[in-house]
mmCIF file of all heavy atoms, coordinates in Angstrom:
data_MODEL
# 
_entry.id   MODEL 
# 
loop_
_atom_site.group_PDB 
_atom_site.id 
_atom_site.type_symbol 
_atom_site.label_atom_id 
_atom_site.label_alt_id 
_atom_site.label_comp_id 
_atom_site.label_asym_id 
_atom_site.label_entity_id 
_atom_site.label_seq_id 
_atom_site.pdbx_PDB_ins_code 
_atom_site.Cartn_x 
_atom_site.Cartn_y 
_atom_site.Cartn_z 
_atom_site.occupancy 
_atom_site.B_iso_or_equiv 
_atom_site.pdbx_formal_charge 
_atom_site.auth_seq_id 
_atom_site.auth_comp_id 
_atom_site.auth_asym_id 
_atom_site.auth_atom_id 
_atom_site.pdbx_PDB_model_num 
ATOM 1   N N   . PRO A 1 1  ? 37.715 33.784 -52.131 1.00 0.00 ? 1  PRO A N   1 
ATOM 2   C CA  . PRO A 1 1  ? 36.921 33.070 -51.119 1.00 0.00 ? 1  PRO A CA  1 
ATOM 3   C C   . PRO A 1 1  ? 36.396 34.028 -50.060 1.00 0.00 ? 1  PRO A C   1 
ATOM 4   O O   . PRO A 1 1  ? 36.985 35.070 -49.810 1.00 0.00 ? 1  PRO A O   1 
ATOM 5   C CB  . PRO A 1 1  ? 37.928 32.092 -50.524 1.00 0.00 ? 1  PRO A CB  1 
ATOM 6   C CG  . PRO A 1 1  ? 39.237 32.790 -50.653 1.00 0.00 ? 1  PRO A CG  1 
ATOM 7   C CD  . PRO A 1 1  ? 39.172 33.578 -51.939 1.00 0.00 ? 1  PRO A CD  1 
ATOM 8   N N   . ILE A 1 2  ? 35.271 33.654 -49.446 1.00 0.00 ? 2  ILE A N   1 
ATOM 9   C CA  . ILE A 1 2  ? 34.662 34.513 -48.431 1.00 0.00 ? 2  ILE A CA  1 
ATOM 10  C C   . ILE A 1 2  ? 34.405 33.705 -47.167 1.00 0.00 ? 2  ILE A C   1 
ATOM 11  O O   . ILE A 1 2  ? 34.442 32.472 -47.171 1.00 0.00 ? 2  ILE A O   1 
ATOM 12  C CB  . ILE A 1 2  ? 33.343 35.131 -48.933 1.00 0.00 ? 2  ILE A CB  1 
ATOM 13  C CG1 . ILE A 1 2  ? 32.301 34.028 -49.219 1.00 0.00 ? 2  ILE A CG1 1 
ATOM 14  C CG2 . ILE A 1 2  ? 33.566 35.976 -50.163 1.00 0.00 ? 2  ILE A CG2 1 
ATOM 15  C CD1 . ILE A 1 2  ? 30.948 34.560 -49.601 1.00 0.00 ? 2  ILE A CD1 1 
ATOM 16  N N   . ASP A 1 3  ? 34.138 34.407 -46.076 1.00 0.00 ? 3  ASP A N   1 
ATOM 17  C CA  . ASP A 1 3  ? 33.761 33.757 -44.823 1.00 0.00 ? 3  ASP A CA  1 
ATOM 18  C C   . ASP A 1 3  ? 32.265 33.487 -44.830 1.00 0.00 ? 3  ASP A C   1 
ATOM 19  O O   . ASP A 1 3  ? 31.475 34.297 -45.333 1.00 0.00 ? 3  ASP A O   1 
ATOM 20  C CB  . ASP A 1 3  ? 34.101 34.653 -43.627 1.00 0.00 ? 3  ASP A CB  1 
ATOM 21  C CG  . ASP A 1 3  ? 35.602 34.810 -43.440 1.00 0.00 ? 3  ASP A CG  1 
ATOM 22  O OD1 . ASP A 1 3  ? 36.315 33.812 -43.653 1.00 0.00 ? 3  ASP A OD1 1 
ATOM 23  O OD2 . ASP A 1 3  ? 36.040 35.920 -43.100 1.00 0.00 ? 3  ASP A OD2 1 
ATOM 24  N N   . LEU A 1 4  ? 31.878 32.352 -44.265 1.00 0.00 ? 4  LEU A N   1 
ATOM 25  C CA  . LEU A 1 4  ? 30.455 32.046 -44.170 1.00 0.00 ? 4  LEU A CA  1 
ATOM 26  C C   . LEU A 1 4  ? 29.720 33.135 -43.411 1.00 0.00 ? 4  LEU A C   1 
ATOM 27  O O   . LEU A 1 4  ? 28.590 33.492 -43.745 1.00 0.00 ? 4  LEU A O   1 
ATOM 28  C CB  . LEU A 1 4  ? 30.250 30.693 -43.483 1.00 0.00 ? 4  LEU A CB  1 
ATOM 29  C CG  . LEU A 1 4  ? 28.785 30.277 -43.274 1.00 0.00 ? 4  LEU A CG  1 
ATOM 30  C CD1 . LEU A 1 4  ? 28.073 30.114 -44.609 1.00 0.00 ? 4  LEU A CD1 1 
ATOM 31  C CD2 . LEU A 1 4  ? 28.705 28.994 -42.458 1.00 0.00 ? 4  LEU A CD2 1 
ATOM 32  N N   . ASP A 1 5  ? 30.352 33.692 -42.386 1.00 0.00 ? 5  ASP A N   1 
ATOM 33  C CA  . ASP A 1 5  ? 29.704 34.745 -41.600 1.00 0.00 ? 5  ASP A CA  1 
ATOM 34  C C   . ASP A 1 5  ? 29.330 35.943 -42.465 1.00 0.00 ? 5  ASP A C   1 
ATOM 35  O O   . ASP A 1 5  ? 28.320 36.610 -42.226 1.00 0.00 ? 5  ASP A O   1 
ATOM 36  C CB  . ASP A 1 5  ? 30.624 35.196 -40.465 1.00 0.00 ? 5  ASP A CB  1 
ATOM 37  C CG  . ASP A 1 5  ? 30.747 34.141 -39.380 1.00 0.00 ? 5  ASP A CG  1 
ATOM 38  O OD1 . ASP A 1 5  ? 29.907 33.223 -39.365 1.00 0.00 ? 5  ASP A OD1 1 
ATOM 39  O OD2 . ASP A 1 5  ? 31.683 34.238 -38.566 1.00 0.00 ? 5  ASP A OD2 1 
ATOM 40  N N   . VAL A 1 6  ? 30.165 36.226 -43.478 1.00 0.00 ? 6  VAL A N   1 
ATOM 41  C CA  . VAL A 1 6  ? 29.872 37.346 -44.372 1.00 0.00 ? 6  VAL A CA  1 
ATOM 42  C C   . VAL A 1 6  ? 28.594 37.073 -45.152 1.00 0.00 ? 6  VAL A C   1 
ATOM 43  O O   . VAL A 1 6  ? 27.731 37.946 -45.307 1.00 0.00 ? 6  VAL A O   1 
ATOM 44  C CB  . VAL A 1 6  ? 31.050 37.586 -45.337 1.00 0.00 ? 6  VAL A CB  1 
ATOM 45  C CG1 . VAL A 1 6  ? 30.684 38.636 -46.386 1.00 0.00 ? 6  VAL A CG1 1 
ATOM 46  C CG2 . VAL A 1 6  ? 32.288 38.018 -44.563 1.00 0.00 ? 6  VAL A CG2 1 
ATOM 47  N N   . ALA A 1 7  ? 28.451 35.835 -45.649 1.00 0.00 ? 7  ALA A N   1 
ATOM 48  C CA  . ALA A 1 7  ? 27.244 35.481 -46.393 1.00 0.00 ? 7  ALA A CA  1 
ATOM 49  C C   . ALA A 1 7  ? 26.027 35.480 -45.490 1.00 0.00 ? 7  ALA A C   1 
ATOM 50  O O   . ALA A 1 7  ? 24.961 35.993 -45.847 1.00 0.00 ? 7  ALA A O   1 
ATOM 51  C CB  . ALA A 1 7  ? 27.420 34.111 -47.043 1.00 0.00 ? 7  ALA A CB  1 
ATOM 52  N N   . LEU A 1 8  ? 26.169 34.931 -44.281 1.00 0.00 ? 8  LEU A N   1 
ATOM 53  C CA  . LEU A 1 8  ? 25.031 34.861 -43.370 1.00 0.00 ? 8  LEU A CA  1 
ATOM 54  C C   . LEU A 1 8  ? 24.607 36.242 -42.901 1.00 0.00 ? 8  LEU A C   1 
ATOM 55  O O   . LEU A 1 8  ? 23.440 36.461 -42.566 1.00 0.00 ? 8  LEU A O   1 
ATOM 56  C CB  . LEU A 1 8  ? 25.386 33.987 -42.167 1.00 0.00 ? 8  LEU A CB  1 
ATOM 57  C CG  . LEU A 1 8  ? 25.629 32.507 -42.463 1.00 0.00 ? 8  LEU A CG  1 
ATOM 58  C CD1 . LEU A 1 8  ? 26.017 31.772 -41.196 1.00 0.00 ? 8  LEU A CD1 1 
ATOM 59  C CD2 . LEU A 1 8  ? 24.406 31.870 -43.103 1.00 0.00 ? 8  LEU A CD2 1 
ATOM 60  N N   . ALA A 1 9  ? 25.557 37.185 -42.865 1.00 0.00 ? 9  ALA A N   1 
ATOM 61  C CA  . ALA A 1 9  ? 25.220 38.545 -42.445 1.00 0.00 ? 9  ALA A CA  1 
ATOM 62  C C   . ALA A 1 9  ? 24.243 39.204 -43.403 1.00 0.00 ? 9  ALA A C   1 
ATOM 63  O O   . ALA A 1 9  ? 23.513 40.123 -43.030 1.00 0.00 ? 9  ALA A O   1 
ATOM 64  C CB  . ALA A 1 9  ? 26.484 39.393 -42.337 1.00 0.00 ? 9  ALA A CB  1 
ATOM 65  N N   . ASP A 1 10 ? 24.222 38.740 -44.668 1.00 0.00 ? 10 ASP A N   1 
ATOM 66  C CA  . ASP A 1 10 ? 23.291 39.297 -45.652 1.00 0.00 ? 10 ASP A CA  1 
ATOM 67  C C   . ASP A 1 10 ? 21.890 38.721 -45.518 1.00 0.00 ? 10 ASP A C   1 
ATOM 68  O O   . ASP A 1 10 ? 20.960 39.174 -46.180 1.00 0.00 ? 10 ASP A O   1 
ATOM 69  C CB  . ASP A 1 10 ? 23.795 39.017 -47.074 1.00 0.00 ? 10 ASP A CB  1 
ATOM 70  C CG  . ASP A 1 10 ? 24.957 39.909 -47.451 1.00 0.00 ? 10 ASP A CG  1 
ATOM 71  O OD1 . ASP A 1 10 ? 25.215 40.864 -46.693 1.00 0.00 ? 10 ASP A OD1 1 
ATOM 72  O OD2 . ASP A 1 10 ? 25.582 39.643 -48.486 1.00 0.00 ? 10 ASP A OD2 1 
ATOM 73  N N   . LEU A 1 11 ? 21.755 37.695 -44.710 1.00 0.00 ? 11 LEU A N   1 
ATOM 74  C CA  . LEU A 1 11 ? 20.473 37.019 -44.569 1.00 0.00 ? 11 LEU A CA  1 
ATOM 75  C C   . LEU A 1 11 ? 19.819 37.427 -43.271 1.00 0.00 ? 11 LEU A C   1 
ATOM 76  O O   . LEU A 1 11 ? 20.428 37.428 -42.214 1.00 0.00 ? 11 LEU A O   1 
ATOM 77  C CB  . LEU A 1 11 ? 20.664 35.499 -44.592 1.00 0.00 ? 11 LEU A CB  1 
ATOM 78  C CG  . LEU A 1 11 ? 21.282 34.955 -45.887 1.00 0.00 ? 11 LEU A CG  1 
ATOM 79  C CD1 . LEU A 1 11 ? 21.641 33.505 -45.719 1.00 0.00 ? 11 LEU A CD1 1 
ATOM 80  C CD2 . LEU A 1 11 ? 20.326 35.146 -47.038 1.00 0.00 ? 11 LEU A CD2 1 
ATOM 81  N N   . GLN A 1 12 ? 18.516 37.766 -43.348 1.00 0.00 ? 12 GLN A N   1 
ATOM 82  C CA  . GLN A 1 12 ? 17.767 38.210 -42.178 1.00 0.00 ? 12 GLN A CA  1 
ATOM 83  C C   . GLN A 1 12 ? 16.730 37.157 -41.828 1.00 0.00 ? 12 GLN A C   1 
ATOM 84  O O   . GLN A 1 12 ? 16.048 36.626 -42.691 1.00 0.00 ? 12 GLN A O   1 
ATOM 85  C CB  . GLN A 1 12 ? 17.066 39.547 -42.457 1.00 0.00 ? 12 GLN A CB  1 
ATOM 86  C CG  . GLN A 1 12 ? 18.002 40.647 -42.928 1.00 0.00 ? 12 GLN A CG  1 
ATOM 87  C CD  . GLN A 1 12 ? 18.958 41.066 -41.834 1.00 0.00 ? 12 GLN A CD  1 
ATOM 88  O OE1 . GLN A 1 12 ? 18.554 41.192 -40.692 1.00 0.00 ? 12 GLN A OE1 1 
ATOM 89  N NE2 . GLN A 1 12 ? 20.206 41.287 -42.174 1.00 0.00 ? 12 GLN A NE2 1 
ATOM 90  N N   . ILE A 1 13 ? 16.593 36.855 -40.539 1.00 0.00 ? 13 ILE A N   1 
ATOM 91  C CA  . ILE A 1 13 ? 15.514 35.976 -40.112 1.00 0.00 ? 13 ILE A CA  1 
ATOM 92  C C   . ILE A 1 13 ? 14.216 36.759 -40.239 1.00 0.00 ? 13 ILE A C   1 
ATOM 93  O O   . ILE A 1 13 ? 13.995 37.737 -39.542 1.00 0.00 ? 13 ILE A O   1 
ATOM 94  C CB  . ILE A 1 13 ? 15.697 35.515 -38.661 1.00 0.00 ? 13 ILE A CB  1 
ATOM 95  C CG1 . ILE A 1 13 ? 17.021 34.764 -38.520 1.00 0.00 ? 13 ILE A CG1 1 
ATOM 96  C CG2 . ILE A 1 13 ? 14.538 34.635 -38.226 1.00 0.00 ? 13 ILE A CG2 1 
ATOM 97  C CD1 . ILE A 1 13 ? 17.109 33.512 -39.345 1.00 0.00 ? 13 ILE A CD1 1 
ATOM 98  N N   . GLY A 1 14 ? 13.351 36.334 -41.141 1.00 0.00 ? 14 GLY A N   1 
ATOM 99  C CA  . GLY A 1 14 ? 12.143 37.092 -41.419 1.00 0.00 ? 14 GLY A CA  1 
ATOM 100 C C   . GLY A 1 14 ? 12.001 37.276 -42.902 1.00 0.00 ? 14 GLY A C   1 
ATOM 101 O O   . GLY A 1 14 ? 12.687 36.655 -43.696 1.00 0.00 ? 14 GLY A O   1 
ATOM 102 N N   . ALA A 1 15 ? 11.125 38.170 -43.293 1.00 0.00 ? 15 ALA A N   1 
ATOM 103 C CA  . ALA A 1 15 ? 10.795 38.287 -44.707 1.00 0.00 ? 15 ALA A CA  1 
ATOM 104 C C   . ALA A 1 15 ? 11.828 39.070 -45.484 1.00 0.00 ? 15 ALA A C   1 
ATOM 105 O O   . ALA A 1 15 ? 12.256 38.664 -46.541 1.00 0.00 ? 15 ALA A O   1 
ATOM 106 C CB  . ALA A 1 15 ? 9.425  38.946 -44.855 1.00 0.00 ? 15 ALA A CB  1 
ATOM 107 N N   . TYR A 1 16 ? 12.255 40.243 -45.012 1.00 0.00 ? 16 TYR A N   1 
ATOM 108 C CA  . TYR A 1 16 ? 13.110 41.100 -45.795 1.00 0.00 ? 16 TYR A CA  1 
ATOM 109 C C   . TYR A 1 16 ? 14.190 41.739 -44.935 1.00 0.00 ? 16 TYR A C   1 
ATOM 110 O O   . TYR A 1 16 ? 13.984 42.019 -43.758 1.00 0.00 ? 16 TYR A O   1 
ATOM 111 C CB  . TYR A 1 16 ? 12.319 42.243 -46.445 1.00 0.00 ? 16 TYR A CB  1 
ATOM 112 C CG  . TYR A 1 16 ? 11.145 41.773 -47.237 1.00 0.00 ? 16 TYR A CG  1 
ATOM 113 C CD1 . TYR A 1 16 ? 9.854  42.016 -46.799 1.00 0.00 ? 16 TYR A CD1 1 
ATOM 114 C CD2 . TYR A 1 16 ? 11.330 41.070 -48.423 1.00 0.00 ? 16 TYR A CD2 1 
ATOM 115 C CE1 . TYR A 1 16 ? 8.772  41.568 -47.520 1.00 0.00 ? 16 TYR A CE1 1 
ATOM 116 C CE2 . TYR A 1 16 ? 10.248 40.622 -49.137 1.00 0.00 ? 16 TYR A CE2 1 
ATOM 117 C CZ  . TYR A 1 16 ? 8.971  40.874 -48.687 1.00 0.00 ? 16 TYR A CZ  1 
ATOM 118 O OH  . TYR A 1 16 ? 7.908  40.428 -49.389 1.00 0.00 ? 16 TYR A OH  1 
ATOM 119 N N   . ALA A 1 17 ? 15.326 41.992 -45.551 1.00 0.00 ? 17 ALA A N   1 
ATOM 120 C CA  . ALA A 1 17 ? 16.303 42.857 -44.903 1.00 0.00 ? 17 ALA A CA  1 
ATOM 121 C C   . ALA A 1 17 ? 15.731 44.271 -44.902 1.00 0.00 ? 17 ALA A C   1 
ATOM 122 O O   . ALA A 1 17 ? 14.918 44.634 -45.751 1.00 0.00 ? 17 ALA A O   1 
ATOM 123 C CB  . ALA A 1 17 ? 17.631 42.820 -45.658 1.00 0.00 ? 17 ALA A CB  1 
ATOM 124 N N   . GLU A 1 18 ? 16.182 45.098 -43.954 1.00 0.00 ? 18 GLU A N   1 
ATOM 125 C CA  . GLU A 1 18 ? 15.567 46.420 -43.776 1.00 0.00 ? 18 GLU A CA  1 
ATOM 126 C C   . GLU A 1 18 ? 15.663 47.268 -45.028 1.00 0.00 ? 18 GLU A C   1 
ATOM 127 O O   . GLU A 1 18 ? 14.751 48.010 -45.372 1.00 0.00 ? 18 GLU A O   1 
ATOM 128 C CB  . GLU A 1 18 ? 16.242 47.124 -42.599 1.00 0.00 ? 18 GLU A CB  1 
ATOM 129 C CG  . GLU A 1 18 ? 15.612 48.443 -42.243 1.00 0.00 ? 18 GLU A CG  1 
ATOM 130 C CD  . GLU A 1 18 ? 16.242 49.055 -41.015 1.00 0.00 ? 18 GLU A CD  1 
ATOM 131 O OE1 . GLU A 1 18 ? 16.955 48.319 -40.301 1.00 0.00 ? 18 GLU A OE1 1 
ATOM 132 O OE2 . GLU A 1 18 ? 16.029 50.250 -40.764 1.00 0.00 ? 18 GLU A OE2 1 
ATOM 133 N N   . ASP A 1 19 ? 16.804 47.187 -45.725 1.00 0.00 ? 19 ASP A N   1 
ATOM 134 C CA  . ASP A 1 19 ? 16.992 48.045 -46.883 1.00 0.00 ? 19 ASP A CA  1 
ATOM 135 C C   . ASP A 1 19 ? 16.792 47.301 -48.201 1.00 0.00 ? 19 ASP A C   1 
ATOM 136 O O   . ASP A 1 19 ? 17.124 47.803 -49.261 1.00 0.00 ? 19 ASP A O   1 
ATOM 137 C CB  . ASP A 1 19 ? 18.398 48.667 -46.855 1.00 0.00 ? 19 ASP A CB  1 
ATOM 138 C CG  . ASP A 1 19 ? 19.490 47.602 -46.862 1.00 0.00 ? 19 ASP A CG  1 
ATOM 139 O OD1 . ASP A 1 19 ? 19.160 46.417 -46.624 1.00 0.00 ? 19 ASP A OD1 1 
ATOM 140 O OD2 . ASP A 1 19 ? 20.651 47.946 -47.100 1.00 0.00 ? 19 ASP A OD2 1 
ATOM 141 N N   . ALA A 1 20 ? 16.271 46.081 -48.143 1.00 0.00 ? 20 ALA A N   1 
ATOM 142 C CA  . ALA A 1 20 ? 16.077 45.299 -49.362 1.00 0.00 ? 20 ALA A CA  1 
ATOM 143 C C   . ALA A 1 20 ? 14.658 45.494 -49.887 1.00 0.00 ? 20 ALA A C   1 
ATOM 144 O O   . ALA A 1 20 ? 13.714 45.637 -49.119 1.00 0.00 ? 20 ALA A O   1 
ATOM 145 C CB  . ALA A 1 20 ? 16.334 43.824 -49.096 1.00 0.00 ? 20 ALA A CB  1 
ATOM 146 N N   . VAL A 1 21 ? 14.521 45.503 -51.199 1.00 0.00 ? 21 VAL A N   1 
ATOM 147 C CA  . VAL A 1 21 ? 13.223 45.744 -51.824 1.00 0.00 ? 21 VAL A CA  1 
ATOM 148 C C   . VAL A 1 21 ? 12.932 44.627 -52.823 1.00 0.00 ? 21 VAL A C   1 
ATOM 149 O O   . VAL A 1 21 ? 13.741 44.371 -53.718 1.00 0.00 ? 21 VAL A O   1 
ATOM 150 C CB  . VAL A 1 21 ? 13.208 47.105 -52.558 1.00 0.00 ? 21 VAL A CB  1 
ATOM 151 C CG1 . VAL A 1 21 ? 11.865 47.320 -53.243 1.00 0.00 ? 21 VAL A CG1 1 
ATOM 152 C CG2 . VAL A 1 21 ? 13.497 48.231 -51.588 1.00 0.00 ? 21 VAL A CG2 1 
ATOM 153 N N   . PRO A 1 22 ? 11.791 43.939 -52.683 1.00 0.00 ? 22 PRO A N   1 
ATOM 154 C CA  . PRO A 1 22 ? 11.431 42.923 -53.677 1.00 0.00 ? 22 PRO A CA  1 
ATOM 155 C C   . PRO A 1 22 ? 11.120 43.575 -55.024 1.00 0.00 ? 22 PRO A C   1 
ATOM 156 O O   . PRO A 1 22 ? 10.762 44.755 -55.094 1.00 0.00 ? 22 PRO A O   1 
ATOM 157 C CB  . PRO A 1 22 ? 10.192 42.263 -53.070 1.00 0.00 ? 22 PRO A CB  1 
ATOM 158 C CG  . PRO A 1 22 ? 9.629  43.262 -52.134 1.00 0.00 ? 22 PRO A CG  1 
ATOM 159 C CD  . PRO A 1 22 ? 10.792 44.053 -51.611 1.00 0.00 ? 22 PRO A CD  1 
ATOM 160 N N   . GLU A 1 23 ? 11.265 42.793 -56.084 1.00 0.00 ? 23 GLU A N   1 
ATOM 161 C CA  . GLU A 1 23 ? 11.037 43.288 -57.440 1.00 0.00 ? 23 GLU A CA  1 
ATOM 162 C C   . GLU A 1 23 ? 10.127 42.351 -58.205 1.00 0.00 ? 23 GLU A C   1 
ATOM 163 O O   . GLU A 1 23 ? 10.047 41.147 -57.921 1.00 0.00 ? 23 GLU A O   1 
ATOM 164 C CB  . GLU A 1 23 ? 12.358 43.412 -58.202 1.00 0.00 ? 23 GLU A CB  1 
ATOM 165 C CG  . GLU A 1 23 ? 13.265 44.529 -57.741 1.00 0.00 ? 23 GLU A CG  1 
ATOM 166 C CD  . GLU A 1 23 ? 14.478 44.659 -58.651 1.00 0.00 ? 23 GLU A CD  1 
ATOM 167 O OE1 . GLU A 1 23 ? 15.024 43.616 -59.063 1.00 0.00 ? 23 GLU A OE1 1 
ATOM 168 O OE2 . GLU A 1 23 ? 14.861 45.789 -58.968 1.00 0.00 ? 23 GLU A OE2 1 
ATOM 169 N N   . LEU A 1 24 ? 9.450  42.909 -59.196 1.00 0.00 ? 24 LEU A N   1 
ATOM 170 C CA  . LEU A 1 24 ? 8.688  42.140 -60.167 1.00 0.00 ? 24 LEU A CA  1 
ATOM 171 C C   . LEU A 1 24 ? 9.352  42.306 -61.524 1.00 0.00 ? 24 LEU A C   1 
ATOM 172 O O   . LEU A 1 24 ? 9.644  43.419 -61.945 1.00 0.00 ? 24 LEU A O   1 
ATOM 173 C CB  . LEU A 1 24 ? 7.236  42.621 -60.242 1.00 0.00 ? 24 LEU A CB  1 
ATOM 174 C CG  . LEU A 1 24 ? 6.419  42.629 -58.950 1.00 0.00 ? 24 LEU A CG  1 
ATOM 175 C CD1 . LEU A 1 24 ? 5.014  43.130 -59.229 1.00 0.00 ? 24 LEU A CD1 1 
ATOM 176 C CD2 . LEU A 1 24 ? 6.402  41.255 -58.305 1.00 0.00 ? 24 LEU A CD2 1 
ATOM 177 N N   . ILE A 1 25 ? 9.588  41.177 -62.207 1.00 0.00 ? 25 ILE A N   1 
ATOM 178 C CA  . ILE A 1 25 ? 10.126 41.225 -63.568 1.00 0.00 ? 25 ILE A CA  1 
ATOM 179 C C   . ILE A 1 25 ? 9.007  40.802 -64.514 1.00 0.00 ? 25 ILE A C   1 
ATOM 180 O O   . ILE A 1 25 ? 8.544  39.665 -64.481 1.00 0.00 ? 25 ILE A O   1 
ATOM 181 C CB  . ILE A 1 25 ? 11.337 40.299 -63.728 1.00 0.00 ? 25 ILE A CB  1 
ATOM 182 C CG1 . ILE A 1 25 ? 12.444 40.693 -62.743 1.00 0.00 ? 25 ILE A CG1 1 
ATOM 183 C CG2 . ILE A 1 25 ? 11.868 40.360 -65.160 1.00 0.00 ? 25 ILE A CG2 1 
ATOM 184 C CD1 . ILE A 1 25 ? 13.654 39.797 -62.818 1.00 0.00 ? 25 ILE A CD1 1 
ATOM 185 N N   . VAL A 1 26 ? 8.559  41.715 -65.329 1.00 0.00 ? 26 VAL A N   1 
ATOM 186 C CA  . VAL A 1 26 ? 7.428  41.485 -66.227 1.00 0.00 ? 26 VAL A CA  1 
ATOM 187 C C   . VAL A 1 26 ? 7.952  41.099 -67.608 1.00 0.00 ? 26 VAL A C   1 
ATOM 188 O O   . VAL A 1 26 ? 8.890  41.712 -68.117 1.00 0.00 ? 26 VAL A O   1 
ATOM 189 C CB  . VAL A 1 26 ? 6.557  42.747 -66.336 1.00 0.00 ? 26 VAL A CB  1 
ATOM 190 C CG1 . VAL A 1 26 ? 5.336  42.484 -67.204 1.00 0.00 ? 26 VAL A CG1 1 
ATOM 191 C CG2 . VAL A 1 26 ? 6.139  43.220 -64.951 1.00 0.00 ? 26 VAL A CG2 1 
ATOM 192 N N   . SER A 1 27 ? 7.358  40.075 -68.198 1.00 0.00 ? 27 SER A N   1 
ATOM 193 C CA  . SER A 1 27 ? 7.806  39.642 -69.522 1.00 0.00 ? 27 SER A CA  1 
ATOM 194 C C   . SER A 1 27 ? 6.644  39.500 -70.488 1.00 0.00 ? 27 SER A C   1 
ATOM 195 O O   . SER A 1 27 ? 5.491  39.298 -70.090 1.00 0.00 ? 27 SER A O   1 
ATOM 196 C CB  . SER A 1 27 ? 8.549  38.310 -69.432 1.00 0.00 ? 27 SER A CB  1 
ATOM 197 O OG  . SER A 1 27 ? 7.655  37.265 -69.132 1.00 0.00 ? 27 SER A OG  1 
ATOM 198 N N   . TYR A 1 28 ? 6.960  39.623 -71.755 1.00 0.00 ? 28 TYR A N   1 
ATOM 199 C CA  . TYR A 1 28 ? 6.010  39.447 -72.847 1.00 0.00 ? 28 TYR A CA  1 
ATOM 200 C C   . TYR A 1 28 ? 6.709  38.656 -73.939 1.00 0.00 ? 28 TYR A C   1 
ATOM 201 O O   . TYR A 1 28 ? 7.771  39.025 -74.403 1.00 0.00 ? 28 TYR A O   1 
ATOM 202 C CB  . TYR A 1 28 ? 5.547  40.798 -73.378 1.00 0.00 ? 28 TYR A CB  1 
ATOM 203 C CG  . TYR A 1 28 ? 4.764  40.722 -74.663 1.00 0.00 ? 28 TYR A CG  1 
ATOM 204 C CD1 . TYR A 1 28 ? 3.724  39.817 -74.811 1.00 0.00 ? 28 TYR A CD1 1 
ATOM 205 C CD2 . TYR A 1 28 ? 5.058  41.547 -75.737 1.00 0.00 ? 28 TYR A CD2 1 
ATOM 206 C CE1 . TYR A 1 28 ? 3.006  39.733 -75.979 1.00 0.00 ? 28 TYR A CE1 1 
ATOM 207 C CE2 . TYR A 1 28 ? 4.345  41.477 -76.915 1.00 0.00 ? 28 TYR A CE2 1 
ATOM 208 C CZ  . TYR A 1 28 ? 3.316  40.566 -77.035 1.00 0.00 ? 28 TYR A CZ  1 
ATOM 209 O OH  . TYR A 1 28 ? 2.606  40.480 -78.202 1.00 0.00 ? 28 TYR A OH  1 
# 
């Protein structure tokens, strides 16, 4: 089990966390 604060700490108000990078997954 984890603390809610730990989960919320991973979430940033805004578009992205500073060190987070969006990805594209391409399929065929």
